[in-house]
Structures are given as C-alpha cells and as structure tokens.
Amino acid sequence: AIVDSANAETAVLRNKVIGTQAADIRRDPTRLNESAMGNLVADAMLDRYPGVDAALTNSGGLRADLVCSPPSALEAPCEITGGEMFAVLPFGNRTIIETLTYEQLAAALTNGFSPACNSAIATGRFPQVAGLKLEFSCSGTAVVIEGIWKAPSGPSGPLTPLGPGDTLRIVTNDFMYGGGDGYTVLSQGTNVLNAGDDLLEAAVSYVAANSPVNPQVEGRIIKK
C-alpha cells in the first residue's frame, strides 16, 4: 500500500517527458571503460558550471541505461521521462567544485583506473569524465598514468597536456569528494565550492536543453 501510494503521488513527475535521445544511451556493462552514459552525465556536470575545466564522476553511480524502446510510461520511442532519468541517477548526489593539482588528479585517476588492472578491486570507481583526455596502462596490477590532457573548450582545438605544477578546476559529486570508492585524495583539493546542485536535476536540465541528446564513446579514456 505504501509503494502504491508513492507511485501514484510521483506519477506526474516520473511520466513527464523531459527530452529526447537520438539512439540508446548505455553504460559500459563491465564498468571498466568510457561509456556513452558516462559522457552524458559528465557533460551535463561540466556544462552546468562555466569556468570549470573538467567533470569527474564514477561509473557505479550510473544505475540504468536510457533506451528508445520499450517506453517506460507510454511515451513515444526515444522520448526520455523524468522517471527514466531518476533510474539513471537515483542517489541524490550533489555537486562539489574544487581545484586539484596535477599530482592530486593523477592520484585520483590511479585509484579510478585500478579495477582495470586488478580484478580484485570493485569496478564502480572507474571514472567517467568530460573536459579531459586520459591514457593509462597496467604494469601488472599497478596503474601507470600515460597522459592527461585538458580538452578544448569549444568543438575543436588542440589538447593541452597537463603535468607537474599544473592545476585544474573540476566538478565532481559529493560521494567521491567524501572519499567514496577510494577517492580520498579528492578531499584534499583547494578553493572548494559546495555548489550543492542535485546531480539528477543538472542532468535533466542538460537533456532538456540539448535534445535530442546523442552522446558517443569518443576516446576520452584510452587503455594502452
């Protein structure tokens, strides 16, 4: 009875069409690679905050795919409802903005890529990013960061390599900032701004403003 009442009370929000998609938007089933869904959510985070260089979120926070069919609420094919977006991002995470040194960012990525080199480590920490191009390799079970580049702010332009002495302004989620999935280094950033925006609301706003959304796996993260 409680569930039926909650479903009835939330039906209008869950069934509301908030945008459209050009094709299915899926997570990586192994949670060990860049994914179209990860790029969508990271792009939404980065788009939200002018002046921020990059977005970083975790694969484990993405809990569903967005498929064109079958519909979830009698919507037309490739329409996205509020309920479908909630299924993707159900945890109520909030956004945090901070400045990281190159060394801190490299440490965070080493943690994030670790499941790709060591199968004993939980895959939910694998990063999804916007504003960055990343390359890594495995030396046994150890992660080797091969390169970190800042992506151009526009649709074209050169990548900017990052190295010791550089800093980067990033937006992440409060779970990771608090050390979730092993990202303890994120709590060491400076000029921290607790933006506090709901990650789900940011993603919904992005989809509404950019429909039909059509994120692609485009080589933001490369394992060599």
C-alpha atoms as a PDB file:
ATOM      1  CA  ALA A   1       0.000   0.000   0.000  1.00  0.00           C
ATOM      2  CA  ILE A   2       2.889   2.377   0.781  1.00  0.00           C
ATOM      3  CA  VAL A   3       4.551   1.681  -2.544  1.00  0.00           C
ATOM      4  CA  ASP A   4       1.274   2.054  -4.458  1.00  0.00           C
ATOM      5  CA  SER A   5       0.654   5.407  -2.766  1.00  0.00           C
ATOM      6  CA  ALA A   6       4.180   6.627  -3.556  1.00  0.00           C
ATOM      7  CA  ASN A   7       3.847   5.551  -7.175  1.00  0.00           C
ATOM      8  CA  ALA A   8       0.585   7.420  -7.501  1.00  0.00           C
ATOM      9  CA  GLU A   9       1.976  10.579  -5.907  1.00  0.00           C
ATOM     10  CA  THR A  10       5.072  10.630  -8.130  1.00  0.00           C
ATOM     11  CA  ALA A  11       3.439   9.534 -11.391  1.00  0.00           C
ATOM     12  CA  VAL A  12       3.225  13.040 -12.865  1.00  0.00           C
ATOM     13  CA  LEU A  13       6.953  13.686 -12.339  1.00  0.00           C
ATOM     14  CA  ARG A  14       8.040  10.197 -13.379  1.00  0.00           C
ATOM     15  CA  ASN A  15       5.979  10.155 -16.557  1.00  0.00           C
ATOM     16  CA  LYS A  16       6.786  13.697 -17.703  1.00  0.00           C
ATOM     17  CA  VAL A  17       8.775  13.792 -20.946  1.00  0.00           C
ATOM     18  CA  ILE A  18      11.843  15.971 -20.384  1.00  0.00           C
ATOM     19  CA  GLY A  19      13.676  15.462 -23.682  1.00  0.00           C
ATOM     20  CA  THR A  20      14.621  13.092 -26.468  1.00  0.00           C
ATOM     21  CA  GLN A  21      17.544  10.896 -27.473  1.00  0.00           C
ATOM     22  CA  ALA A  22      18.850  10.031 -30.935  1.00  0.00           C
ATOM     23  CA  ALA A  23      19.647   6.417 -30.000  1.00  0.00           C
ATOM     24  CA  ASP A  24      20.055   4.161 -26.989  1.00  0.00           C
ATOM     25  CA  ILE A  25      22.419   5.590 -24.346  1.00  0.00           C
ATOM     26  CA  ARG A  26      24.119   2.823 -22.426  1.00  0.00           C
ATOM     27  CA  ARG A  27      26.622   2.258 -19.661  1.00  0.00           C
ATOM     28  CA  ASP A  28      29.620   0.003 -20.171  1.00  0.00           C
ATOM     29  CA  PRO A  29      28.415  -3.356 -18.782  1.00  0.00           C
ATOM     30  CA  THR A  30      31.837  -4.107 -17.305  1.00  0.00           C
ATOM     31  CA  ARG A  31      32.195  -0.622 -15.751  1.00  0.00           C
ATOM     32  CA  LEU A  32      35.802  -0.629 -16.995  1.00  0.00           C
ATOM     33  CA  ASN A  33      35.584   1.757 -19.937  1.00  0.00           C
ATOM     34  CA  GLU A  34      34.330   5.115 -21.090  1.00  0.00           C
ATOM     35  CA  SER A  35      30.601   4.906 -21.816  1.00  0.00           C
ATOM     36  CA  ALA A  36      28.006   6.954 -23.658  1.00  0.00           C
ATOM     37  CA  MET A  37      26.003   7.301 -20.435  1.00  0.00           C
ATOM     38  CA  GLY A  38      29.089   8.395 -18.528  1.00  0.00           C
ATOM     39  CA  ASN A  39      29.807  11.035 -21.155  1.00  0.00           C
ATOM     40  CA  LEU A  40      26.230  12.310 -20.998  1.00  0.00           C
ATOM     41  CA  VAL A  41      26.307  12.779 -17.229  1.00  0.00           C
ATOM     42  CA  ALA A  42      29.830  14.219 -17.169  1.00  0.00           C
ATOM     43  CA  ASP A  43      28.947  16.621 -19.991  1.00  0.00           C
ATOM     44  CA  ALA A  44      25.902  17.746 -18.016  1.00  0.00           C
ATOM     45  CA  MET A  45      28.080  18.417 -14.974  1.00  0.00           C
ATOM     46  CA  LEU A  46      30.653  20.394 -16.939  1.00  0.00           C
ATOM     47  CA  ASP A  47      28.010  22.376 -18.849  1.00  0.00           C
ATOM     48  CA  ARG A  48      26.439  23.463 -15.572  1.00  0.00           C
ATOM     49  CA  TYR A  49      29.443  25.484 -14.394  1.00  0.00           C
ATOM     50  CA  PRO A  50      31.166  27.964 -16.731  1.00  0.00           C
ATOM     51  CA  GLY A  51      34.812  28.337 -15.796  1.00  0.00           C
ATOM     52  CA  VAL A  52      35.186  24.752 -14.599  1.00  0.00           C
ATOM     53  CA  ASP A  53      37.726  22.771 -16.625  1.00  0.00           C
ATOM     54  CA  ALA A  54      36.595  19.180 -16.182  1.00  0.00           C
ATOM     55  CA  ALA A  55      34.000  16.863 -14.673  1.00  0.00           C
ATOM     56  CA  LEU A  56      34.664  13.591 -12.861  1.00  0.00           C
ATOM     57  CA  THR A  57      32.036  11.064 -11.809  1.00  0.00           C
ATOM     58  CA  ASN A  58      32.037   7.342 -11.025  1.00  0.00           C
ATOM     59  CA  SER A  59      30.650   4.509 -13.125  1.00  0.00           C
ATOM     60  CA  GLY A  60      28.957   2.972 -10.101  1.00  0.00           C
ATOM     61  CA  GLY A  61      26.695   6.000  -9.768  1.00  0.00           C
ATOM     62  CA  LEU A  62      25.096   5.279 -13.150  1.00  0.00           C
ATOM     63  CA  ARG A  63      22.352   2.759 -12.430  1.00  0.00           C
ATOM     64  CA  ALA A  64      20.371   2.363 -15.678  1.00  0.00           C
ATOM     65  CA  ASP A  65      20.526   2.778 -19.439  1.00  0.00           C
ATOM     66  CA  LEU A  66      18.322   5.090 -21.494  1.00  0.00           C
ATOM     67  CA  VAL A  67      16.739   3.062 -24.289  1.00  0.00           C
ATOM     68  CA  CYS A  68      14.433   4.244 -27.051  1.00  0.00           C
ATOM     69  CA  SER A  69      12.106   1.267 -26.700  1.00  0.00           C
ATOM     70  CA  PRO A  70      10.170  -0.083 -24.896  1.00  0.00           C
ATOM     71  CA  PRO A  71       8.658   3.035 -23.328  1.00  0.00           C
ATOM     72  CA  SER A  72       8.501   3.316 -19.546  1.00  0.00           C
ATOM     73  CA  ALA A  73       5.389   5.483 -19.369  1.00  0.00           C
ATOM     74  CA  LEU A  74       3.639   5.234 -22.750  1.00  0.00           C
ATOM     75  CA  GLU A  75       5.942   7.921 -24.162  1.00  0.00           C
ATOM     76  CA  ALA A  76       6.939   7.882 -27.836  1.00  0.00           C
ATOM     77  CA  PRO A  77      10.088   5.998 -28.881  1.00  0.00           C
ATOM     78  CA  CYS A  78      13.285   7.869 -27.937  1.00  0.00           C
ATOM     79  CA  GLU A  79      11.488  10.225 -25.552  1.00  0.00           C
ATOM     80  CA  ILE A  80      13.118  10.498 -22.114  1.00  0.00           C
ATOM     81  CA  THR A  81      10.982  10.742 -18.995  1.00  0.00           C
ATOM     82  CA  GLY A  82      11.778  12.064 -15.570  1.00  0.00           C
ATOM     83  CA  GLY A  83      11.423   8.566 -14.172  1.00  0.00           C
ATOM     84  CA  GLU A  84      13.985   7.196 -16.599  1.00  0.00           C
ATOM     85  CA  MET A  85      16.472   9.888 -15.596  1.00  0.00           C
ATOM     86  CA  PHE A  86      15.844   9.131 -11.923  1.00  0.00           C
ATOM     87  CA  ALA A  87      16.615   5.475 -12.620  1.00  0.00           C
ATOM     88  CA  VAL A  88      19.994   6.537 -14.017  1.00  0.00           C
ATOM     89  CA  LEU A  89      20.870   8.798 -11.055  1.00  0.00           C
ATOM     90  CA  PRO A  90      18.853   7.665  -8.015  1.00  0.00           C
ATOM     91  CA  PHE A  91      21.230   8.516  -5.176  1.00  0.00           C
ATOM     92  CA  GLY A  92      20.560  12.211  -4.618  1.00  0.00           C
ATOM     93  CA  ASN A  93      24.217  13.138  -5.134  1.00  0.00           C
ATOM     94  CA  ARG A  94      25.191  16.802  -5.046  1.00  0.00           C
ATOM     95  CA  THR A  95      27.929  18.633  -6.921  1.00  0.00           C
ATOM     96  CA  ILE A  96      31.234  19.834  -5.455  1.00  0.00           C
ATOM     97  CA  ILE A  97      33.691  22.129  -7.261  1.00  0.00           C
ATOM     98  CA  GLU A  98      37.374  22.257  -6.317  1.00  0.00           C
ATOM     99  CA  THR A  99      40.862  22.885  -7.618  1.00  0.00           C
ATOM    100  CA  LEU A 100      43.231  19.924  -7.865  1.00  0.00           C
ATOM    101  CA  THR A 101      46.942  19.844  -8.533  1.00  0.00           C
ATOM    102  CA  TYR A 102      48.185  17.601 -11.301  1.00  0.00           C
ATOM    103  CA  GLU A 103      49.514  15.210  -8.678  1.00  0.00           C
ATOM    104  CA  GLN A 104      46.156  15.022  -6.902  1.00  0.00           C
ATOM    105  CA  LEU A 105      44.314  14.450 -10.164  1.00  0.00           C
ATOM    106  CA  ALA A 106      46.788  11.733 -11.169  1.00  0.00           C
ATOM    107  CA  ALA A 107      46.312  10.041  -7.794  1.00  0.00           C
ATOM    108  CA  ALA A 108      42.528  10.168  -8.182  1.00  0.00           C
ATOM    109  CA  LEU A 109      42.752   8.653 -11.657  1.00  0.00           C
ATOM    110  CA  THR A 110      45.164   5.973 -10.470  1.00  0.00           C
ATOM    111  CA  ASN A 111      42.524   4.949  -7.966  1.00  0.00           C
ATOM    112  CA  GLY A 112      39.806   5.135 -10.598  1.00  0.00           C
ATOM    113  CA  PHE A 113      41.610   3.028 -13.168  1.00  0.00           C
ATOM    114  CA  SER A 114      42.752   0.413 -10.646  1.00  0.00           C
ATOM    115  CA  PRO A 115      39.923  -2.075 -11.379  1.00  0.00           C
ATOM    116  CA  ALA A 116      41.109  -2.259 -14.990  1.00  0.00           C
ATOM    117  CA  CYS A 117      44.479  -3.543 -13.750  1.00  0.00           C
ATOM    118  CA  ASN A 118      43.406  -5.530 -10.703  1.00  0.00           C
ATOM    119  CA  SER A 119      40.237  -7.616 -10.889  1.00  0.00           C
ATOM    120  CA  ALA A 120      40.058  -7.756  -7.085  1.00  0.00           C
ATOM    121  CA  ILE A 121      39.105  -4.048  -6.946  1.00  0.00           C
ATOM    122  CA  ALA A 122      35.460  -3.004  -7.315  1.00  0.00           C
ATOM    123  CA  THR A 123      34.666  -1.568 -10.738  1.00  0.00           C
ATOM    124  CA  GLY A 124      32.258   1.138  -9.565  1.00  0.00           C
ATOM    125  CA  ARG A 125      35.135   3.588  -9.083  1.00  0.00           C
ATOM    126  CA  PHE A 126      36.119   3.630 -12.771  1.00  0.00           C
ATOM    127  CA  PRO A 127      35.892   7.305 -13.810  1.00  0.00           C
ATOM    128  CA  GLN A 128      33.692   8.935 -16.400  1.00  0.00           C
ATOM    129  CA  VAL A 129      34.949  12.361 -17.479  1.00  0.00           C
ATOM    130  CA  ALA A 130      34.312  15.482 -19.509  1.00  0.00           C
ATOM    131  CA  GLY A 131      36.884  18.104 -20.422  1.00  0.00           C
ATOM    132  CA  LEU A 132      39.749  15.598 -20.313  1.00  0.00           C
ATOM    133  CA  LYS A 133      41.526  13.041 -22.450  1.00  0.00           C
ATOM    134  CA  LEU A 134      43.237  10.321 -20.428  1.00  0.00           C
ATOM    135  CA  GLU A 135      45.581   7.469 -21.259  1.00  0.00           C
ATOM    136  CA  PHE A 136      46.734   4.749 -18.875  1.00  0.00           C
ATOM    137  CA  SER A 137      48.301   1.318 -18.915  1.00  0.00           C
ATOM    138  CA  CYS A 138      48.820  -1.528 -16.482  1.00  0.00           C
ATOM    139  CA  SER A 139      52.156  -2.719 -15.133  1.00  0.00           C
ATOM    140  CA  GLY A 140      50.977  -5.931 -13.560  1.00  0.00           C
ATOM    141  CA  THR A 141      48.243  -4.821 -11.188  1.00  0.00           C
ATOM    142  CA  ALA A 142      49.625  -1.269 -10.916  1.00  0.00           C
ATOM    143  CA  VAL A 143      48.182   1.658 -12.873  1.00  0.00           C
ATOM    144  CA  VAL A 144      50.519   3.779 -14.974  1.00  0.00           C
ATOM    145  CA  ILE A 145      49.154   7.199 -15.985  1.00  0.00           C
ATOM    146  CA  GLU A 146      50.448   7.695 -19.523  1.00  0.00           C
ATOM    147  CA  GLY A 147      48.986  11.135 -20.137  1.00  0.00           C
ATOM    148  CA  ILE A 148      46.426  13.690 -19.000  1.00  0.00           C
ATOM    149  CA  TRP A 149      45.250  16.372 -21.397  1.00  0.00           C
ATOM    150  CA  LYS A 150      42.791  19.203 -20.977  1.00  0.00           C
ATOM    151  CA  ALA A 151      40.276  19.160 -23.802  1.00  0.00           C
ATOM    152  CA  PRO A 152      39.493  22.335 -25.793  1.00  0.00           C
ATOM    153  CA  SER A 153      36.523  24.320 -24.527  1.00  0.00           C
ATOM    154  CA  GLY A 154      34.938  24.509 -27.981  1.00  0.00           C
ATOM    155  CA  PRO A 155      34.084  21.881 -30.596  1.00  0.00           C
ATOM    156  CA  SER A 156      37.644  21.908 -31.935  1.00  0.00           C
ATOM    157  CA  GLY A 157      41.129  22.924 -30.918  1.00  0.00           C
ATOM    158  CA  PRO A 158      44.291  21.361 -29.560  1.00  0.00           C
ATOM    159  CA  LEU A 159      44.561  19.270 -26.444  1.00  0.00           C
ATOM    160  CA  THR A 160      46.634  20.835 -23.659  1.00  0.00           C
ATOM    161  CA  PRO A 161      48.970  18.383 -21.904  1.00  0.00           C
ATOM    162  CA  LEU A 162      48.999  18.622 -18.111  1.00  0.00           C
ATOM    163  CA  GLY A 163      51.946  17.880 -15.864  1.00  0.00           C
ATOM    164  CA  PRO A 164      53.548  18.651 -12.502  1.00  0.00           C
ATOM    165  CA  GLY A 165      52.840  22.218 -11.393  1.00  0.00           C
ATOM    166  CA  ASP A 166      49.541  22.476 -13.268  1.00  0.00           C
ATOM    167  CA  THR A 167      46.156  22.819 -11.585  1.00  0.00           C
ATOM    168  CA  LEU A 168      42.658  22.035 -12.792  1.00  0.00           C
ATOM    169  CA  ARG A 169      39.249  23.226 -11.654  1.00  0.00           C
ATOM    170  CA  ILE A 170      36.908  20.230 -11.526  1.00  0.00           C
ATOM    171  CA  VAL A 171      33.324  19.392 -10.622  1.00  0.00           C
ATOM    172  CA  THR A 172      32.654  16.025  -9.002  1.00  0.00           C
ATOM    173  CA  ASN A 173      29.969  14.514  -6.801  1.00  0.00           C
ATOM    174  CA  ASP A 174      29.784  14.606  -3.025  1.00  0.00           C
ATOM    175  CA  PHE A 175      30.149  10.828  -2.698  1.00  0.00           C
ATOM    176  CA  MET A 176      33.546  10.884  -4.389  1.00  0.00           C
ATOM    177  CA  TYR A 177      34.622  14.107  -2.655  1.00  0.00           C
ATOM    178  CA  GLY A 178      33.908  12.406   0.666  1.00  0.00           C
ATOM    179  CA  GLY A 179      36.218   9.520  -0.189  1.00  0.00           C
ATOM    180  CA  GLY A 180      33.681   7.135  -1.693  1.00  0.00           C
ATOM    181  CA  ASP A 181      35.077   4.414  -3.985  1.00  0.00           C
ATOM    182  CA  GLY A 182      38.556   5.122  -2.653  1.00  0.00           C
ATOM    183  CA  TYR A 183      38.744   8.724  -3.896  1.00  0.00           C
ATOM    184  CA  THR A 184      40.203  10.010  -0.617  1.00  0.00           C
ATOM    185  CA  VAL A 185      42.545  12.407  -2.434  1.00  0.00           C
ATOM    186  CA  LEU A 186      39.589  14.489  -3.638  1.00  0.00           C
ATOM    187  CA  SER A 187      39.068  15.817  -0.107  1.00  0.00           C
ATOM    188  CA  GLN A 188      42.492  17.483  -0.376  1.00  0.00           C
ATOM    189  CA  GLY A 189      41.510  19.953  -3.114  1.00  0.00           C
ATOM    190  CA  THR A 190      41.530  23.708  -2.566  1.00  0.00           C
ATOM    191  CA  ASN A 191      39.076  26.560  -3.194  1.00  0.00           C
ATOM    192  CA  VAL A 192      36.255  24.115  -2.531  1.00  0.00           C
ATOM    193  CA  LEU A 193      32.791  25.295  -3.534  1.00  0.00           C
ATOM    194  CA  ASN A 194      29.919  23.199  -2.266  1.00  0.00           C
ATOM    195  CA  ALA A 195      27.659  24.028  -5.187  1.00  0.00           C
ATOM    196  CA  GLY A 196      25.094  21.621  -3.780  1.00  0.00           C
ATOM    197  CA  ASP A 197      23.171  21.221  -7.007  1.00  0.00           C
ATOM    198  CA  ASP A 198      21.321  17.957  -7.415  1.00  0.00           C
ATOM    199  CA  LEU A 199      23.221  15.870  -9.974  1.00  0.00           C
ATOM    200  CA  LEU A 200      19.941  14.466 -11.269  1.00  0.00           C
ATOM    201  CA  GLU A 201      18.486  17.934 -11.779  1.00  0.00           C
ATOM    202  CA  ALA A 202      21.628  19.040 -13.616  1.00  0.00           C
ATOM    203  CA  ALA A 203      21.366  16.047 -15.946  1.00  0.00           C
ATOM    204  CA  VAL A 204      17.636  16.622 -16.542  1.00  0.00           C
ATOM    205  CA  SER A 205      18.262  20.290 -17.376  1.00  0.00           C
ATOM    206  CA  TYR A 206      21.052  19.331 -19.775  1.00  0.00           C
ATOM    207  CA  VAL A 207      18.882  16.799 -21.600  1.00  0.00           C
ATOM    208  CA  ALA A 208      16.028  19.291 -21.861  1.00  0.00           C
ATOM    209  CA  ALA A 209      18.314  21.962 -23.310  1.00  0.00           C
ATOM    210  CA  ASN A 210      20.211  19.714 -25.733  1.00  0.00           C
ATOM    211  CA  SER A 211      17.660  17.271 -27.098  1.00  0.00           C
ATOM    212  CA  PRO A 212      17.950  15.083 -28.989  1.00  0.00           C
ATOM    213  CA  VAL A 213      20.983  14.044 -26.956  1.00  0.00           C
ATOM    214  CA  ASN A 214      23.371  11.673 -28.693  1.00  0.00           C
ATOM    215  CA  PRO A 215      26.488  11.044 -26.575  1.00  0.00           C
ATOM    216  CA  GLN A 216      29.148   8.801 -28.074  1.00  0.00           C
ATOM    217  CA  VAL A 217      32.159   6.869 -26.837  1.00  0.00           C
ATOM    218  CA  GLU A 218      34.806   9.112 -28.361  1.00  0.00           C
ATOM    219  CA  GLY A 219      38.171   8.173 -26.887  1.00  0.00           C
ATOM    220  CA  ARG A 220      38.194  10.307 -23.762  1.00  0.00           C
ATOM    221  CA  ILE A 221      39.744   7.379 -21.873  1.00  0.00           C
ATOM    222  CA  ILE A 222      42.252   5.070 -23.545  1.00  0.00           C
ATOM    223  CA  LYS A 223      43.851   1.982 -22.051  1.00  0.00           C
ATOM    224  CA  LYS A 224      47.161   1.380 -23.839  1.00  0.00           C
END
